[in-house]
Amino acid sequence: MVGLMGSGKTSAGRLISQALGVPLSDSDPFLVDTYGGTAAQIAAREGADVLHGREAEHVLAELAGRVPKVITAAASSVEDPRVRAALREAFVVWLDAPDAVLAERMRSDDHRPAFGPAEMRARRGAYFREVADMTCDVSVMSPEEVAEAVLREIRLPARDRQGSQG
């Protein structure tokens, strides 16, 4: 799962991982568990470049693992050419929405650095398009609808989706 801050990667990723019966690996808990701080704290303490390197590290480590899982990748990770190359072997879902929708969602979220969606889209939009196998407009889709669409796309029969959620 890739997308800008506020796109709902964690919410949709959690539903998909539950339906598939595989672990979820989210960049935010990875940062806290591994580096003792949220993305905003790491950016303030050590700078955005260090934060972005650690976010890329998360994706690369998880993609190198042998256990299938749903990975919710920090938006910055797609700037790293190694991450984009590794994502070619994965099924990648881009969660997107208009900048105004993402900006509104980000207002209530203090664990991420204060980056504006328009600036980040200008930096990362082409990379999201490059790696995405599927795009979901989360301004019109709920996390549940995203999960259903992804599960349909990867062709998991409905009875298996329902049975895995139990």
N, C-alpha and C. Protein backbone atom coordinates (compact mmCIF):
# COMPACT_ATOMS: atom_id res chain seq x y z
N MET A 1 0.85 -1.16 0.00
CA MET A 1 0.00 0.00 0.00
C MET A 1 0.90 1.23 0.00
N VAL A 2 0.68 2.10 -0.99
CA VAL A 2 1.41 3.36 -1.05
C VAL A 2 0.39 4.49 -1.18
N GLY A 3 0.82 5.68 -0.83
CA GLY A 3 -0.04 6.85 -0.95
C GLY A 3 0.46 7.94 -0.04
N LEU A 4 -0.06 9.13 -0.25
CA LEU A 4 0.32 10.26 0.57
C LEU A 4 -0.27 10.12 1.96
N MET A 5 0.25 10.92 2.89
CA MET A 5 -0.28 10.93 4.25
C MET A 5 -1.78 11.22 4.19
N GLY A 6 -2.52 10.53 5.02
CA GLY A 6 -3.96 10.74 5.09
C GLY A 6 -4.76 9.92 4.11
N SER A 7 -4.10 9.08 3.32
CA SER A 7 -4.83 8.32 2.31
C SER A 7 -5.49 7.06 2.87
N GLY A 8 -5.18 6.70 4.10
CA GLY A 8 -5.84 5.54 4.71
C GLY A 8 -5.12 4.23 4.50
N LYS A 9 -3.82 4.28 4.30
CA LYS A 9 -3.05 3.05 4.06
C LYS A 9 -3.19 2.08 5.22
N THR A 10 -3.09 2.58 6.43
CA THR A 10 -3.16 1.70 7.60
C THR A 10 -4.54 1.07 7.73
N SER A 11 -5.58 1.87 7.59
CA SER A 11 -6.95 1.35 7.74
C SER A 11 -7.25 0.28 6.70
N ALA A 12 -6.97 0.57 5.44
CA ALA A 12 -7.23 -0.41 4.38
C ALA A 12 -6.29 -1.59 4.50
N GLY A 13 -5.03 -1.33 4.80
CA GLY A 13 -4.05 -2.40 4.94
C GLY A 13 -4.42 -3.38 6.04
N ARG A 14 -4.93 -2.87 7.15
CA ARG A 14 -5.35 -3.74 8.25
C ARG A 14 -6.47 -4.67 7.80
N LEU A 15 -7.45 -4.13 7.09
CA LEU A 15 -8.57 -4.95 6.61
C LEU A 15 -8.10 -6.02 5.62
N ILE A 16 -7.20 -5.66 4.73
CA ILE A 16 -6.70 -6.61 3.74
C ILE A 16 -5.87 -7.69 4.41
N SER A 17 -5.02 -7.30 5.36
CA SER A 17 -4.20 -8.31 6.04
C SER A 17 -5.07 -9.27 6.82
N GLN A 18 -6.12 -8.78 7.45
CA GLN A 18 -7.03 -9.66 8.18
C GLN A 18 -7.74 -10.62 7.23
N ALA A 19 -8.21 -10.09 6.10
CA ALA A 19 -8.92 -10.94 5.14
C ALA A 19 -8.01 -12.01 4.55
N LEU A 20 -6.76 -11.67 4.33
CA LEU A 20 -5.82 -12.63 3.76
C LEU A 20 -5.18 -13.54 4.82
N GLY A 21 -5.32 -13.16 6.09
CA GLY A 21 -4.70 -13.93 7.14
C GLY A 21 -3.19 -13.83 7.15
N VAL A 22 -2.69 -12.66 6.77
CA VAL A 22 -1.24 -12.42 6.77
C VAL A 22 -0.95 -11.20 7.65
N PRO A 23 0.30 -11.07 8.13
CA PRO A 23 0.63 -9.92 8.97
C PRO A 23 0.57 -8.60 8.22
N LEU A 24 0.36 -7.54 8.97
CA LEU A 24 0.45 -6.17 8.47
C LEU A 24 1.74 -5.58 8.98
N SER A 25 2.51 -4.95 8.11
CA SER A 25 3.71 -4.23 8.51
C SER A 25 3.53 -2.77 8.12
N ASP A 26 3.39 -1.93 9.11
CA ASP A 26 3.09 -0.51 8.92
C ASP A 26 4.34 0.30 9.27
N SER A 27 4.63 1.30 8.44
CA SER A 27 5.84 2.09 8.66
C SER A 27 5.82 2.86 9.98
N ASP A 28 4.67 3.32 10.43
CA ASP A 28 4.63 4.12 11.66
C ASP A 28 5.05 3.31 12.89
N PRO A 29 4.45 2.14 13.15
CA PRO A 29 4.93 1.35 14.29
C PRO A 29 6.39 0.89 14.11
N PHE A 30 6.80 0.62 12.87
CA PHE A 30 8.20 0.25 12.63
C PHE A 30 9.14 1.34 13.14
N LEU A 31 8.83 2.59 12.84
CA LEU A 31 9.68 3.69 13.27
C LEU A 31 9.73 3.79 14.79
N VAL A 32 8.57 3.69 15.42
CA VAL A 32 8.52 3.79 16.88
C VAL A 32 9.27 2.62 17.52
N ASP A 33 9.02 1.41 17.03
CA ASP A 33 9.66 0.22 17.61
C ASP A 33 11.17 0.19 17.37
N THR A 34 11.58 0.61 16.19
CA THR A 34 13.00 0.50 15.81
C THR A 34 13.82 1.71 16.23
N TYR A 35 13.22 2.90 16.13
CA TYR A 35 13.98 4.13 16.36
C TYR A 35 13.46 4.98 17.52
N GLY A 36 12.43 4.50 18.20
CA GLY A 36 11.96 5.18 19.40
C GLY A 36 11.28 6.51 19.17
N GLY A 37 10.68 6.69 18.00
CA GLY A 37 9.98 7.95 17.77
C GLY A 37 9.05 7.87 16.59
N THR A 38 8.09 8.77 16.57
CA THR A 38 7.19 8.87 15.42
C THR A 38 7.94 9.52 14.27
N ALA A 39 7.33 9.51 13.11
CA ALA A 39 7.94 10.16 11.95
C ALA A 39 8.22 11.63 12.23
N ALA A 40 7.27 12.32 12.85
CA ALA A 40 7.45 13.74 13.17
C ALA A 40 8.61 13.94 14.14
N GLN A 41 8.72 13.07 15.14
CA GLN A 41 9.80 13.18 16.11
C GLN A 41 11.16 12.92 15.47
N ILE A 42 11.22 11.91 14.61
CA ILE A 42 12.49 11.60 13.94
C ILE A 42 12.88 12.74 13.01
N ALA A 43 11.92 13.28 12.26
CA ALA A 43 12.22 14.39 11.36
C ALA A 43 12.72 15.60 12.14
N ALA A 44 12.10 15.90 13.28
CA ALA A 44 12.52 17.05 14.09
C ALA A 44 13.88 16.81 14.72
N ARG A 45 14.12 15.59 15.15
CA ARG A 45 15.34 15.24 15.87
C ARG A 45 16.54 15.06 14.94
N GLU A 46 16.30 14.39 13.79
CA GLU A 46 17.43 13.99 12.94
C GLU A 46 17.34 14.47 11.50
N GLY A 47 16.23 15.07 11.14
CA GLY A 47 16.07 15.60 9.79
C GLY A 47 15.24 14.69 8.89
N ALA A 48 14.65 15.30 7.87
CA ALA A 48 13.77 14.58 6.95
C ALA A 48 14.53 13.52 6.15
N ASP A 49 15.78 13.79 5.80
CA ASP A 49 16.53 12.79 5.03
C ASP A 49 16.74 11.50 5.81
N VAL A 50 17.04 11.63 7.09
CA VAL A 50 17.21 10.44 7.94
C VAL A 50 15.87 9.70 8.04
N LEU A 51 14.80 10.45 8.28
CA LEU A 51 13.47 9.83 8.34
C LEU A 51 13.17 9.06 7.06
N HIS A 52 13.38 9.68 5.93
CA HIS A 52 13.06 9.04 4.65
C HIS A 52 13.91 7.80 4.41
N GLY A 53 15.16 7.83 4.82
CA GLY A 53 16.01 6.65 4.71
C GLY A 53 15.49 5.50 5.55
N ARG A 54 15.01 5.82 6.73
CA ARG A 54 14.47 4.78 7.62
C ARG A 54 13.15 4.23 7.09
N GLU A 55 12.35 5.09 6.47
CA GLU A 55 11.09 4.63 5.88
C GLU A 55 11.37 3.70 4.70
N ALA A 56 12.37 4.03 3.90
CA ALA A 56 12.76 3.14 2.79
C ALA A 56 13.29 1.83 3.33
N GLU A 57 14.07 1.89 4.40
CA GLU A 57 14.61 0.68 5.04
C GLU A 57 13.48 -0.27 5.43
N HIS A 58 12.41 0.29 5.97
CA HIS A 58 11.25 -0.54 6.36
C HIS A 58 10.72 -1.34 5.18
N VAL A 59 10.48 -0.67 4.07
CA VAL A 59 9.91 -1.34 2.90
C VAL A 59 10.88 -2.38 2.35
N LEU A 60 12.13 -2.02 2.23
CA LEU A 60 13.12 -2.95 1.68
C LEU A 60 13.26 -4.20 2.56
N ALA A 61 13.29 -4.01 3.86
CA ALA A 61 13.41 -5.16 4.77
C ALA A 61 12.20 -6.07 4.66
N GLU A 62 11.02 -5.48 4.61
CA GLU A 62 9.80 -6.30 4.54
C GLU A 62 9.67 -7.01 3.20
N LEU A 63 10.03 -6.34 2.12
CA LEU A 63 9.96 -6.99 0.81
C LEU A 63 10.99 -8.10 0.68
N ALA A 64 12.09 -8.00 1.40
CA ALA A 64 13.12 -9.04 1.35
C ALA A 64 12.75 -10.26 2.18
N GLY A 65 11.78 -10.09 3.08
CA GLY A 65 11.38 -11.21 3.93
C GLY A 65 10.65 -12.28 3.15
N ARG A 66 10.60 -13.45 3.72
CA ARG A 66 9.97 -14.59 3.05
C ARG A 66 8.52 -14.79 3.44
N VAL A 67 8.05 -14.06 4.43
CA VAL A 67 6.68 -14.20 4.90
C VAL A 67 5.78 -13.24 4.13
N PRO A 68 4.74 -13.76 3.46
CA PRO A 68 3.81 -12.85 2.77
C PRO A 68 3.15 -11.92 3.79
N LYS A 69 2.99 -10.67 3.40
CA LYS A 69 2.35 -9.70 4.30
C LYS A 69 1.85 -8.52 3.51
N VAL A 70 1.04 -7.73 4.17
CA VAL A 70 0.60 -6.45 3.63
C VAL A 70 1.52 -5.40 4.24
N ILE A 71 2.11 -4.58 3.38
CA ILE A 71 3.04 -3.54 3.84
C ILE A 71 2.42 -2.19 3.53
N THR A 72 2.31 -1.36 4.57
CA THR A 72 1.87 0.02 4.34
C THR A 72 3.14 0.87 4.37
N ALA A 73 3.49 1.38 3.21
CA ALA A 73 4.75 2.09 3.03
C ALA A 73 4.57 3.59 3.20
N ALA A 74 5.48 4.20 3.90
CA ALA A 74 5.49 5.66 3.99
C ALA A 74 5.64 6.23 2.59
N ALA A 75 4.99 7.35 2.35
CA ALA A 75 5.00 7.95 1.02
C ALA A 75 6.40 8.23 0.51
N SER A 76 7.30 8.61 1.40
CA SER A 76 8.66 8.95 0.97
C SER A 76 9.42 7.77 0.40
N SER A 77 9.02 6.57 0.77
CA SER A 77 9.81 5.39 0.36
C SER A 77 9.87 5.23 -1.15
N VAL A 78 8.86 5.72 -1.88
CA VAL A 78 8.87 5.56 -3.34
C VAL A 78 9.91 6.45 -4.02
N GLU A 79 10.48 7.39 -3.29
CA GLU A 79 11.53 8.23 -3.86
C GLU A 79 12.84 7.46 -4.01
N ASP A 80 12.99 6.38 -3.26
CA ASP A 80 14.21 5.59 -3.29
C ASP A 80 14.15 4.62 -4.47
N PRO A 81 15.10 4.70 -5.41
CA PRO A 81 15.05 3.81 -6.58
C PRO A 81 15.14 2.34 -6.21
N ARG A 82 15.80 2.01 -5.08
CA ARG A 82 15.87 0.62 -4.65
C ARG A 82 14.49 0.11 -4.25
N VAL A 83 13.71 0.96 -3.61
CA VAL A 83 12.35 0.58 -3.21
C VAL A 83 11.49 0.39 -4.45
N ARG A 84 11.58 1.32 -5.40
CA ARG A 84 10.77 1.18 -6.63
C ARG A 84 11.13 -0.11 -7.36
N ALA A 85 12.41 -0.44 -7.41
CA ALA A 85 12.82 -1.68 -8.08
C ALA A 85 12.27 -2.89 -7.33
N ALA A 86 12.33 -2.88 -6.01
CA ALA A 86 11.83 -4.00 -5.21
C ALA A 86 10.31 -4.13 -5.34
N LEU A 87 9.62 -3.01 -5.47
CA LEU A 87 8.16 -3.04 -5.58
C LEU A 87 7.68 -3.67 -6.89
N ARG A 88 8.56 -3.79 -7.86
CA ARG A 88 8.17 -4.43 -9.12
C ARG A 88 7.76 -5.89 -8.91
N GLU A 89 8.23 -6.50 -7.83
CA GLU A 89 7.92 -7.89 -7.53
C GLU A 89 6.68 -8.03 -6.65
N ALA A 90 6.09 -6.93 -6.25
CA ALA A 90 4.94 -6.94 -5.34
C ALA A 90 3.69 -6.43 -6.06
N PHE A 91 2.52 -6.72 -5.48
CA PHE A 91 1.28 -6.13 -5.96
C PHE A 91 1.09 -4.84 -5.18
N VAL A 92 1.11 -3.70 -5.87
CA VAL A 92 1.11 -2.40 -5.22
C VAL A 92 -0.20 -1.67 -5.47
N VAL A 93 -0.80 -1.21 -4.37
CA VAL A 93 -2.04 -0.45 -4.43
C VAL A 93 -1.74 0.98 -4.02
N TRP A 94 -2.09 1.92 -4.89
CA TRP A 94 -1.91 3.34 -4.61
C TRP A 94 -3.24 3.89 -4.13
N LEU A 95 -3.27 4.38 -2.89
CA LEU A 95 -4.45 5.06 -2.36
C LEU A 95 -4.26 6.54 -2.60
N ASP A 96 -5.22 7.14 -3.28
CA ASP A 96 -5.10 8.53 -3.67
C ASP A 96 -6.40 9.27 -3.40
N ALA A 97 -6.30 10.57 -3.31
CA ALA A 97 -7.45 11.45 -3.13
C ALA A 97 -7.01 12.86 -3.49
N PRO A 98 -7.96 13.74 -3.77
CA PRO A 98 -7.59 15.14 -4.03
C PRO A 98 -6.84 15.74 -2.83
N ASP A 99 -5.97 16.68 -3.13
CA ASP A 99 -5.15 17.29 -2.08
C ASP A 99 -5.99 17.85 -0.93
N ALA A 100 -7.13 18.47 -1.24
CA ALA A 100 -7.96 19.07 -0.18
C ALA A 100 -8.46 18.00 0.79
N VAL A 101 -8.80 16.83 0.28
CA VAL A 101 -9.26 15.73 1.14
C VAL A 101 -8.12 15.26 2.03
N LEU A 102 -6.94 15.07 1.47
CA LEU A 102 -5.79 14.62 2.25
C LEU A 102 -5.39 15.67 3.29
N ALA A 103 -5.41 16.93 2.92
CA ALA A 103 -5.05 18.00 3.85
C ALA A 103 -6.00 18.00 5.05
N GLU A 104 -7.27 17.81 4.80
CA GLU A 104 -8.26 17.77 5.89
C GLU A 104 -7.99 16.59 6.81
N ARG A 105 -7.70 15.45 6.25
CA ARG A 105 -7.42 14.25 7.05
C ARG A 105 -6.15 14.42 7.87
N MET A 106 -5.17 15.12 7.33
CA MET A 106 -3.88 15.28 8.01
C MET A 106 -3.97 16.24 9.20
N ARG A 107 -4.97 17.09 9.22
CA ARG A 107 -5.08 18.07 10.31
C ARG A 107 -5.19 17.42 11.68
N SER A 108 -5.80 16.26 11.73
CA SER A 108 -6.01 15.60 13.03
C SER A 108 -4.92 14.59 13.35
N ASP A 109 -3.84 14.60 12.60
CA ASP A 109 -2.80 13.58 12.75
C ASP A 109 -1.47 14.24 13.10
N ASP A 110 -1.04 14.09 14.36
CA ASP A 110 0.17 14.78 14.78
C ASP A 110 1.41 13.89 14.81
N HIS A 111 1.30 12.64 14.34
CA HIS A 111 2.47 11.77 14.38
C HIS A 111 3.31 11.86 13.11
N ARG A 112 2.85 12.61 12.12
CA ARG A 112 3.57 12.76 10.86
C ARG A 112 4.10 14.18 10.75
N PRO A 113 5.20 14.37 10.03
CA PRO A 113 5.70 15.73 9.81
C PRO A 113 4.70 16.56 9.02
N ALA A 114 4.79 17.86 9.13
CA ALA A 114 3.84 18.76 8.49
C ALA A 114 4.24 19.04 7.04
N PHE A 115 3.97 18.09 6.15
CA PHE A 115 4.21 18.26 4.73
C PHE A 115 2.86 18.43 4.06
N GLY A 116 2.75 19.36 3.11
CA GLY A 116 1.50 19.57 2.40
C GLY A 116 1.32 18.57 1.27
N PRO A 117 0.07 18.13 1.03
CA PRO A 117 -0.15 17.13 -0.02
C PRO A 117 0.24 17.60 -1.43
N ALA A 118 0.02 18.87 -1.75
CA ALA A 118 0.34 19.33 -3.10
C ALA A 118 1.85 19.24 -3.36
N GLU A 119 2.63 19.64 -2.38
CA GLU A 119 4.09 19.56 -2.50
C GLU A 119 4.54 18.10 -2.62
N MET A 120 3.97 17.25 -1.80
CA MET A 120 4.36 15.84 -1.81
C MET A 120 3.90 15.14 -3.09
N ARG A 121 2.74 15.49 -3.58
CA ARG A 121 2.26 14.91 -4.85
C ARG A 121 3.19 15.30 -5.99
N ALA A 122 3.64 16.55 -5.99
CA ALA A 122 4.55 17.01 -7.04
C ALA A 122 5.85 16.21 -7.01
N ARG A 123 6.31 15.86 -5.82
CA ARG A 123 7.55 15.09 -5.67
C ARG A 123 7.36 13.62 -5.97
N ARG A 124 6.20 13.07 -5.58
CA ARG A 124 6.05 11.61 -5.56
C ARG A 124 5.01 11.03 -6.52
N GLY A 125 4.19 11.87 -7.10
CA GLY A 125 3.11 11.38 -7.95
C GLY A 125 3.58 10.47 -9.07
N ALA A 126 4.63 10.86 -9.76
CA ALA A 126 5.14 10.03 -10.86
C ALA A 126 5.64 8.68 -10.36
N TYR A 127 6.22 8.66 -9.17
CA TYR A 127 6.70 7.40 -8.60
C TYR A 127 5.53 6.49 -8.22
N PHE A 128 4.48 7.08 -7.64
CA PHE A 128 3.29 6.28 -7.32
C PHE A 128 2.73 5.64 -8.59
N ARG A 129 2.63 6.43 -9.64
CA ARG A 129 2.12 5.89 -10.91
C ARG A 129 3.03 4.78 -11.44
N GLU A 130 4.33 4.97 -11.28
CA GLU A 130 5.29 3.98 -11.77
C GLU A 130 5.13 2.62 -11.08
N VAL A 131 4.91 2.62 -9.78
CA VAL A 131 4.91 1.35 -9.03
C VAL A 131 3.52 0.74 -8.89
N ALA A 132 2.46 1.52 -9.09
CA ALA A 132 1.10 1.04 -8.78
C ALA A 132 0.58 0.04 -9.80
N ASP A 133 0.06 -1.05 -9.29
CA ASP A 133 -0.68 -2.02 -10.10
C ASP A 133 -2.16 -1.67 -10.11
N MET A 134 -2.59 -0.92 -9.09
CA MET A 134 -4.00 -0.58 -8.91
C MET A 134 -4.06 0.74 -8.15
N THR A 135 -5.02 1.58 -8.51
CA THR A 135 -5.22 2.85 -7.83
C THR A 135 -6.64 2.92 -7.29
N CYS A 136 -6.78 3.38 -6.04
CA CYS A 136 -8.10 3.55 -5.43
C CYS A 136 -8.25 5.00 -5.00
N ASP A 137 -9.37 5.61 -5.38
CA ASP A 137 -9.68 6.98 -4.99
C ASP A 137 -10.38 6.95 -3.64
N VAL A 138 -9.64 7.26 -2.59
CA VAL A 138 -10.18 7.15 -1.25
C VAL A 138 -11.06 8.34 -0.86
N SER A 139 -11.24 9.28 -1.79
CA SER A 139 -12.22 10.33 -1.52
C SER A 139 -13.63 9.81 -1.75
N VAL A 140 -13.75 8.71 -2.49
CA VAL A 140 -15.07 8.12 -2.76
C VAL A 140 -15.16 6.66 -2.30
N MET A 141 -14.06 6.12 -1.80
CA MET A 141 -14.05 4.72 -1.33
C MET A 141 -13.68 4.68 0.14
N SER A 142 -14.44 3.91 0.91
CA SER A 142 -14.11 3.67 2.31
C SER A 142 -12.99 2.65 2.39
N PRO A 143 -12.35 2.51 3.55
CA PRO A 143 -11.35 1.45 3.69
C PRO A 143 -11.92 0.07 3.37
N GLU A 144 -13.15 -0.17 3.74
CA GLU A 144 -13.80 -1.46 3.44
C GLU A 144 -13.95 -1.65 1.94
N GLU A 145 -14.33 -0.60 1.23
CA GLU A 145 -14.46 -0.69 -0.23
C GLU A 145 -13.10 -0.89 -0.90
N VAL A 146 -12.08 -0.24 -0.37
CA VAL A 146 -10.72 -0.44 -0.89
C VAL A 146 -10.33 -1.90 -0.71
N ALA A 147 -10.55 -2.43 0.48
CA ALA A 147 -10.18 -3.82 0.75
C ALA A 147 -10.92 -4.77 -0.20
N GLU A 148 -12.20 -4.56 -0.39
CA GLU A 148 -12.98 -5.41 -1.30
C GLU A 148 -12.44 -5.32 -2.73
N ALA A 149 -12.13 -4.12 -3.16
CA ALA A 149 -11.61 -3.94 -4.52
C ALA A 149 -10.26 -4.63 -4.69
N VAL A 150 -9.40 -4.51 -3.69
CA VAL A 150 -8.09 -5.16 -3.77
C VAL A 150 -8.26 -6.67 -3.78
N LEU A 151 -9.10 -7.19 -2.91
CA LEU A 151 -9.31 -8.64 -2.85
C LEU A 151 -9.91 -9.16 -4.15
N ARG A 152 -10.80 -8.39 -4.75
CA ARG A 152 -11.34 -8.76 -6.07
C ARG A 152 -10.23 -8.78 -7.11
N GLU A 153 -9.39 -7.78 -7.07
CA GLU A 153 -8.31 -7.65 -8.07
C GLU A 153 -7.32 -8.81 -7.97
N ILE A 154 -7.03 -9.24 -6.77
CA ILE A 154 -6.11 -10.36 -6.63
C ILE A 154 -6.85 -11.70 -6.72
N ARG A 155 -8.14 -11.60 -6.99
CA ARG A 155 -9.00 -12.75 -7.31
C ARG A 155 -9.15 -13.77 -6.19
N LEU A 156 -9.29 -13.27 -4.97
CA LEU A 156 -9.59 -14.15 -3.86
C LEU A 156 -11.11 -14.32 -3.82
N PRO A 157 -11.62 -15.54 -3.92
CA PRO A 157 -13.07 -15.74 -3.93
C PRO A 157 -13.74 -15.15 -2.68
N ALA A 158 -14.97 -14.67 -2.85
CA ALA A 158 -15.69 -14.00 -1.77
C ALA A 158 -15.82 -14.89 -0.54
N ARG A 159 -16.07 -16.18 -0.72
CA ARG A 159 -16.22 -17.07 0.46
C ARG A 159 -14.93 -17.13 1.26
N ASP A 160 -13.77 -17.08 0.59
CA ASP A 160 -12.50 -17.08 1.32
C ASP A 160 -12.27 -15.75 2.03
N ARG A 161 -12.70 -14.65 1.41
CA ARG A 161 -12.56 -13.34 2.07
C ARG A 161 -13.36 -13.32 3.35
N GLN A 162 -14.60 -13.79 3.30
CA GLN A 162 -15.45 -13.75 4.49
C GLN A 162 -14.94 -14.71 5.56
N GLY A 163 -14.49 -15.87 5.14
CA GLY A 163 -14.01 -16.87 6.10
C GLY A 163 -12.74 -16.42 6.80
N SER A 164 -11.92 -15.60 6.16
CA SER A 164 -10.66 -15.18 6.75
C SER A 164 -10.82 -14.05 7.76
N GLN A 165 -11.99 -13.39 7.76
CA GLN A 165 -12.17 -12.25 8.65
C GLN A 165 -12.56 -12.67 10.06
N GLY A 166 -12.98 -13.89 10.23
CA GLY A 166 -13.54 -14.37 11.47
C GLY A 166 -12.69 -14.23 12.65
